[in-house]
Structure formats: structure tokens, C-alpha cells
Amino acid sequence: MTKAEFKEVLTNAIGGTAYGDEVIADLVEHFDETGKYAQTAKDRLDERKGTLEGWAKKHAAEGDAAKAAEEEAKVAIVEKALAAIK
């Protein structure tokens, strides 16, 4: 897969939102031309997902449902990106 194809797959899966576009830009920037792009992207997405889930739990524990929901929406975007690159 080329960098352009990789970007297209991600854009179709998660493009159109500010956070989705941020994730796409990050993954395309770190695209590995040697064929390890999927593993590199998966590792970066797994790290993002863990961080977001942690913030969602923290906000929920503090009683801030709106912020928790915002983080959970970002988790959903990351999960869509993970599904797109598998």
C-alpha cells in the first residue's frame, strides 16, 4: 500500500471531523514505506486509545459526563481507524 492509498483508506473511515483528521495526519506522517505501516499505525492507535480511555474514566469519576462522552467519541474514531487498517 502506498502512502496515498493509506491516507485514502483512513479518510474514508474516519475523515471529516477535526479529531479524525488529526489522527489521519499523524498516521500519514509516520507512514513506514518499508511495509510496516500497519503495525506502526496500530501501535500509535493503541497508545491513543489507552490514553483516551484513561481520560474518559477520569472525567467520569469526577462527574463530568460531557468531557467523558467527548473522550469516548474520540475512542470510537480510533477504533474505526484500527478496523480500517487491519
Protein backbone atom coordinates (compact mmCIF):
# COMPACT_ATOMS: atom_id res chain seq x y z
CA MET A 1 0.00 0.00 0.00
CA THR A 2 1.27 3.44 -0.85
CA LYS A 3 1.11 6.44 1.43
CA ALA A 4 -1.64 7.95 -0.74
CA GLU A 5 -3.70 4.73 -0.60
CA PHE A 6 -3.19 4.54 3.17
CA LYS A 7 -4.42 8.11 3.56
CA GLU A 8 -7.44 7.40 1.36
CA VAL A 9 -8.43 4.34 3.41
CA LEU A 10 -8.20 6.33 6.62
CA THR A 11 -10.01 9.34 5.16
CA ASN A 12 -12.88 7.11 4.08
CA ALA A 13 -13.04 5.53 7.53
CA ILE A 14 -12.58 8.47 9.89
CA GLY A 15 -12.20 11.69 7.90
CA GLY A 16 -14.47 14.67 8.21
CA THR A 17 -14.07 15.51 11.89
CA ALA A 18 -11.35 17.58 13.49
CA TYR A 19 -10.14 14.66 15.60
CA GLY A 20 -10.36 12.16 12.75
CA ASP A 21 -8.34 14.47 10.53
CA GLU A 22 -5.79 14.89 13.32
CA VAL A 23 -5.41 11.12 13.61
CA ILE A 24 -5.05 10.77 9.84
CA ALA A 25 -2.36 13.45 9.71
CA ASP A 26 -0.41 11.73 12.49
CA LEU A 27 -0.59 8.29 10.91
CA VAL A 28 0.30 9.54 7.43
CA GLU A 29 3.23 11.49 8.85
CA HIS A 30 4.57 8.30 10.44
CA PHE A 31 3.79 6.07 7.44
CA ASP A 32 6.52 3.44 7.09
CA GLU A 33 7.38 2.87 3.43
CA THR A 34 9.10 -0.45 4.29
CA GLY A 35 5.80 -2.26 4.66
CA LYS A 36 5.46 -1.95 8.43
CA TYR A 37 2.93 0.86 8.11
CA ALA A 38 0.08 -1.21 9.52
CA GLN A 39 1.98 -2.23 12.65
CA THR A 40 3.29 1.29 13.19
CA ALA A 41 -0.22 2.71 12.78
CA LYS A 42 -1.71 0.06 15.06
CA ASP A 43 0.85 0.81 17.76
CA ARG A 44 0.16 4.55 17.56
CA LEU A 45 -3.61 3.99 17.62
CA ASP A 46 -3.41 1.58 20.57
CA GLU A 47 -1.47 4.21 22.50
CA ARG A 48 -4.03 6.91 21.65
CA LYS A 49 -6.91 4.63 22.61
CA GLY A 50 -5.43 3.82 26.01
CA THR A 51 -4.82 7.48 26.75
CA LEU A 52 -8.33 8.48 25.69
CA GLU A 53 -9.92 5.70 27.73
CA GLY A 54 -7.95 6.85 30.76
CA TRP A 55 -9.15 10.43 30.35
CA ALA A 56 -12.73 9.25 29.85
CA LYS A 57 -12.60 7.30 33.12
CA LYS A 58 -11.03 10.25 34.93
CA HIS A 59 -13.71 12.66 33.70
CA ALA A 60 -16.47 10.19 34.57
CA ALA A 61 -15.05 9.71 38.08
CA GLU A 62 -15.02 13.48 38.52
CA GLY A 63 -18.67 13.65 37.46
CA ASP A 64 -18.01 15.46 34.17
CA ALA A 65 -20.17 13.39 31.83
CA ALA A 66 -19.78 15.80 28.90
CA LYS A 67 -15.99 15.56 28.87
CA ALA A 68 -16.16 11.79 29.36
CA ALA A 69 -18.51 11.49 26.38
CA GLU A 70 -16.17 13.64 24.30
CA GLU A 71 -13.25 11.31 25.05
CA GLU A 72 -15.41 8.25 24.35
CA ALA A 73 -16.33 9.71 20.94
CA LYS A 74 -12.61 10.00 20.19
CA VAL A 75 -12.14 6.36 21.25
CA ALA A 76 -14.79 5.38 18.69
CA ILE A 77 -12.86 7.22 15.97
CA VAL A 78 -9.66 5.43 16.93
CA GLU A 79 -11.48 2.08 16.87
CA LYS A 80 -12.76 2.83 13.34
CA ALA A 81 -9.21 3.64 12.26
CA LEU A 82 -7.96 0.38 13.76
CA ALA A 83 -10.63 -1.56 11.89
CA ALA A 84 -9.73 0.18 8.63
CA ILE A 85 -6.06 -0.78 8.73
CA LYS A 86 -6.44 -4.44 9.72
